[in-house]
Protein backbone atom coordinates (compact mmCIF):
# COMPACT_ATOMS: atom_id res chain seq x y z
CA MET A 1 -8.32 21.35 -0.47
CA LYS A 2 -8.20 18.91 2.75
CA ASN A 3 -7.54 22.36 4.79
CA LYS A 4 -10.76 24.21 3.00
CA ILE A 5 -12.83 21.39 3.44
CA LEU A 6 -11.75 21.12 7.31
CA ILE A 7 -12.22 25.09 7.46
CA LEU A 8 -15.72 24.52 6.05
CA ILE A 9 -16.62 21.57 8.31
CA THR A 10 -15.51 24.01 11.36
CA ILE A 11 -17.71 26.96 10.58
CA LEU A 12 -20.77 24.44 9.94
CA THR A 13 -20.33 23.67 13.32
CA LEU A 14 -20.00 26.69 14.45
CA SER A 15 -22.62 28.49 13.14
CA SER A 16 -25.31 25.75 13.88
CA CYS A 17 -24.46 25.91 17.67
CA GLN A 18 -25.16 30.38 17.67
CA ASN A 19 -28.45 31.41 19.34
CA LYS A 20 -30.83 32.76 17.40
CA ASP A 21 -30.10 35.71 19.63
CA ASN A 22 -29.06 39.35 17.81
CA SER A 23 -26.23 39.86 19.72
CA LYS A 24 -24.94 36.58 17.77
CA ASN A 25 -25.53 38.43 14.69
CA ILE A 26 -21.73 39.35 14.47
CA VAL A 27 -20.53 35.53 14.73
CA LYS A 28 -23.64 34.35 12.22
CA THR A 29 -21.60 37.46 9.58
CA ILE A 30 -18.42 36.60 9.85
CA VAL A 31 -18.55 32.94 9.79
CA GLN A 32 -21.04 33.36 6.53
CA ASP A 33 -17.89 35.46 5.00
CA THR A 34 -15.79 33.81 5.95
CA LEU A 35 -17.66 30.46 4.73
CA SER A 36 -18.22 32.13 1.51
CA LYS A 37 -14.63 32.85 0.83
CA THR A 38 -13.43 29.44 1.73
CA LEU A 39 -16.01 28.03 -1.05
CA GLY A 40 -15.09 31.08 -3.63
CA GLY A 41 -11.04 29.95 -2.58
CA THR A 42 -10.63 33.27 -1.94
CA ALA A 43 -10.01 32.83 2.16
CA ASP A 44 -6.51 32.76 2.93
CA LEU A 45 -5.29 29.73 4.79
CA SER A 46 -1.69 30.32 5.17
CA GLU A 47 -2.13 30.74 8.54
CA VAL A 48 -3.72 26.96 8.88
CA THR A 49 -0.41 24.91 9.93
CA SER A 50 -1.05 21.29 9.21
CA LYS A 51 -0.28 17.78 12.07
CA LYS A 52 2.16 17.01 9.74
CA ASP A 53 4.16 20.51 9.84
CA LYS A 54 4.40 20.51 13.24
CA ALA A 55 5.52 16.45 13.09
CA VAL A 56 8.64 17.71 10.75
CA GLU A 57 9.08 20.59 12.79
CA LEU A 58 9.06 19.06 16.18
CA ILE A 59 11.64 16.20 14.95
CA ARG A 60 13.56 18.56 13.12
CA LYS A 61 14.14 20.61 16.36
CA GLN A 62 15.35 17.36 18.43
CA LEU A 63 17.21 16.27 15.61
CA LEU A 64 19.46 19.38 15.57
CA VAL A 65 19.78 18.85 19.36
CA LEU A 66 20.36 15.06 19.07
CA LEU A 67 23.03 15.56 16.44
CA LYS A 68 24.31 18.62 17.31
CA ASN A 69 27.87 17.18 17.86
CA ASP A 70 27.41 15.12 14.62
CA ILE A 71 26.62 18.43 12.26
CA PRO A 72 29.65 19.75 11.74
CA ALA A 73 30.87 16.72 9.86
CA LEU A 74 27.82 16.45 7.51
CA THR A 75 27.47 17.69 4.28
CA LYS A 76 24.38 19.55 3.43
CA GLU A 77 23.43 16.62 0.97
CA GLU A 78 23.38 14.05 4.69
CA ARG A 79 21.51 16.38 6.95
CA TYR A 80 17.97 14.93 5.84
CA PHE A 81 15.61 12.44 7.57
CA TYR A 82 12.75 10.60 6.66
CA TYR A 83 9.36 10.15 9.52
CA ASP A 84 6.38 8.18 9.21
CA ALA A 85 3.62 8.26 12.28
CA PHE A 86 2.62 5.54 14.35
CA ASP A 87 0.55 5.18 17.92
CA LEU A 88 2.72 2.52 19.50
CA ASN A 89 0.65 2.72 22.87
CA ASN A 90 -2.84 3.21 21.74
CA ASP A 91 -3.40 6.95 24.21
CA GLN A 92 -4.87 8.43 20.77
CA LYS A 93 -0.75 10.31 19.95
CA ASN A 94 1.74 9.32 17.64
CA GLU A 95 5.16 8.60 18.30
CA TYR A 96 7.67 8.82 15.30
CA PHE A 97 9.40 6.63 13.57
CA VAL A 98 12.71 9.00 12.31
CA GLY A 99 15.07 6.80 9.96
CA PHE A 100 18.16 8.75 7.78
CA SER A 101 19.40 6.95 4.44
CA ASN A 102 22.88 8.28 3.80
CA PRO A 103 26.39 7.02 4.13
CA TYR A 104 27.00 9.00 7.10
CA PHE A 105 24.08 6.88 9.06
CA CYS A 106 23.93 3.49 7.49
CA GLY A 107 26.85 1.00 7.18
CA SER A 108 27.37 -2.31 5.85
CA GLY A 109 24.98 -3.25 9.35
CA GLY A 110 22.19 -1.44 8.32
CA CYS A 111 21.30 2.06 9.54
CA SER A 112 20.42 4.28 12.81
CA GLY A 113 17.09 6.36 13.45
CA TYR A 114 15.35 7.22 16.59
CA ILE A 115 11.57 6.84 17.66
CA LEU A 116 10.32 9.93 19.74
CA LYS A 117 7.45 10.49 21.49
CA ASN A 118 4.54 12.93 20.40
CA ASP A 119 6.03 15.58 22.55
CA GLY A 120 9.59 14.87 20.83
CA SER A 121 11.62 13.34 23.74
CA VAL A 122 13.62 10.10 22.87
CA ILE A 123 11.58 6.78 23.22
CA ASN A 124 14.73 5.21 21.42
CA ARG A 125 17.97 5.64 19.48
CA PHE A 126 18.39 2.51 17.29
CA THR A 127 21.20 1.15 14.78
CA VAL A 128 22.01 -1.33 12.29
CA ALA A 129 18.29 -1.74 11.22
CA ASP A 130 17.05 -1.65 7.43
CA PHE A 131 13.82 -0.60 6.30
CA PRO A 132 10.92 -1.02 6.91
CA ILE A 133 10.06 -1.61 10.39
CA TYR A 134 6.99 -3.36 11.42
CA VAL A 135 4.78 -3.20 14.51
CA THR A 136 3.03 -6.25 15.41
CA THR A 137 0.00 -6.70 16.98
CA SER A 138 1.42 -7.97 20.33
CA SER A 139 2.45 -5.65 23.08
CA THR A 140 4.86 -5.58 26.07
CA GLU A 141 4.34 -3.15 28.69
CA LYS A 142 1.56 -1.16 26.57
CA PHE A 143 3.91 -1.04 23.79
CA TYR A 144 3.65 -2.72 20.23
CA ASP A 145 6.12 -4.98 19.61
CA LEU A 146 8.29 -4.08 16.51
CA ILE A 147 10.22 -6.06 14.08
CA PHE A 148 13.43 -5.10 12.33
CA GLU A 149 15.68 -6.57 9.87
CA SER A 150 18.95 -6.84 10.36
CA GLY A 151 21.94 -8.90 8.96
CA GLY A 152 18.81 -10.26 6.89
CA LYS A 153 17.04 -11.74 9.50
CA PHE A 154 14.02 -10.52 11.17
CA HIS A 155 14.31 -9.62 15.10
CA LEU A 156 11.17 -9.15 17.52
CA LEU A 157 11.80 -6.37 20.08
CA LYS A 158 9.81 -5.63 23.24
CA MET A 159 9.83 -3.01 25.40
CA LYS A 160 11.49 -3.14 28.49
CA SER A 161 11.67 -0.68 31.29
CA GLY A 162 10.00 2.09 29.10
CA LYS A 163 13.13 1.38 25.95
CA TYR A 164 12.90 -0.82 23.25
CA PRO A 165 16.83 -2.33 22.40
CA SER A 166 18.95 -0.21 20.82
CA ASN A 167 20.58 -3.09 18.82
CA PRO A 168 18.14 -5.06 16.85
CA SER A 169 20.76 -7.79 15.47
CA VAL A 170 21.07 -8.95 19.01
CA GLN A 171 17.79 -9.57 19.69
CA GLN A 172 15.47 -12.80 19.51
CA VAL A 173 15.24 -14.22 15.54
CA ILE A 174 11.59 -14.64 14.46
CA LYS A 175 11.33 -17.84 12.25
CA GLY A 176 9.23 -17.55 9.13
CA ASP A 177 7.99 -14.45 7.25
CA VAL A 178 6.32 -11.17 9.05
CA PRO A 179 3.06 -11.70 10.67
CA LYS A 180 0.86 -10.49 7.69
CA GLU A 181 -1.23 -8.35 10.18
CA SER A 182 1.81 -6.33 11.13
CA THR A 183 2.19 -3.06 10.00
CA LYS A 184 4.97 -0.99 8.10
CA VAL A 185 6.67 2.08 9.49
CA LEU A 186 9.50 3.74 7.65
CA ASP A 187 9.47 1.97 4.86
CA ILE A 188 11.93 4.14 3.02
CA GLN A 189 12.28 2.37 -0.35
CA GLY A 190 8.73 1.06 -0.80
CA GLU A 191 6.59 3.89 -0.16
CA LYS A 192 7.51 7.64 -1.46
CA LEU A 193 8.03 9.13 1.87
CA GLU A 194 9.48 12.82 1.52
CA LYS A 195 12.51 13.82 2.59
CA TYR A 196 13.22 16.16 5.34
CA SER A 197 16.32 18.88 5.59
CA PHE A 198 17.49 19.51 9.47
């Protein structure tokens, strides 16, 4: 339904921008035909790819590269990931938090995961972390500071030379609770995040 509404808005915008010139009538006819099919539910939306699908494909391709040495040891049931998107540096492009929740990637100290840029390149690999991760309102090097739980304590991670520390358990412990204004990401247990295979 969301895709239909998006198409409808696009079509209305295109049709309102058309000149009254007769040479533009063909565009107007196509727009009206598509609009009637969209409203009638007969438009073919199979070619429409959502941003979510693009993000999943991007992450999946990157994981196949990053974990190529691990894949032979993984069972089919272990080859899945969760992800959450958040714009960490206010550039209008989301970064992706990628996490795992199975024995291959998780141990007594926590789980492993990645933070990827919008183009799929790696900002960080992290280890011994529990989920969720918290994005604070403070920033360092133009990236929001993060709070990871590890070993039952909350640790503050700040960007340094383009990377966050990979092992949260050895970072500064914060006193008290996670600030209320922080945003939860990759809340694997609390939210119903979708599981994706790779």
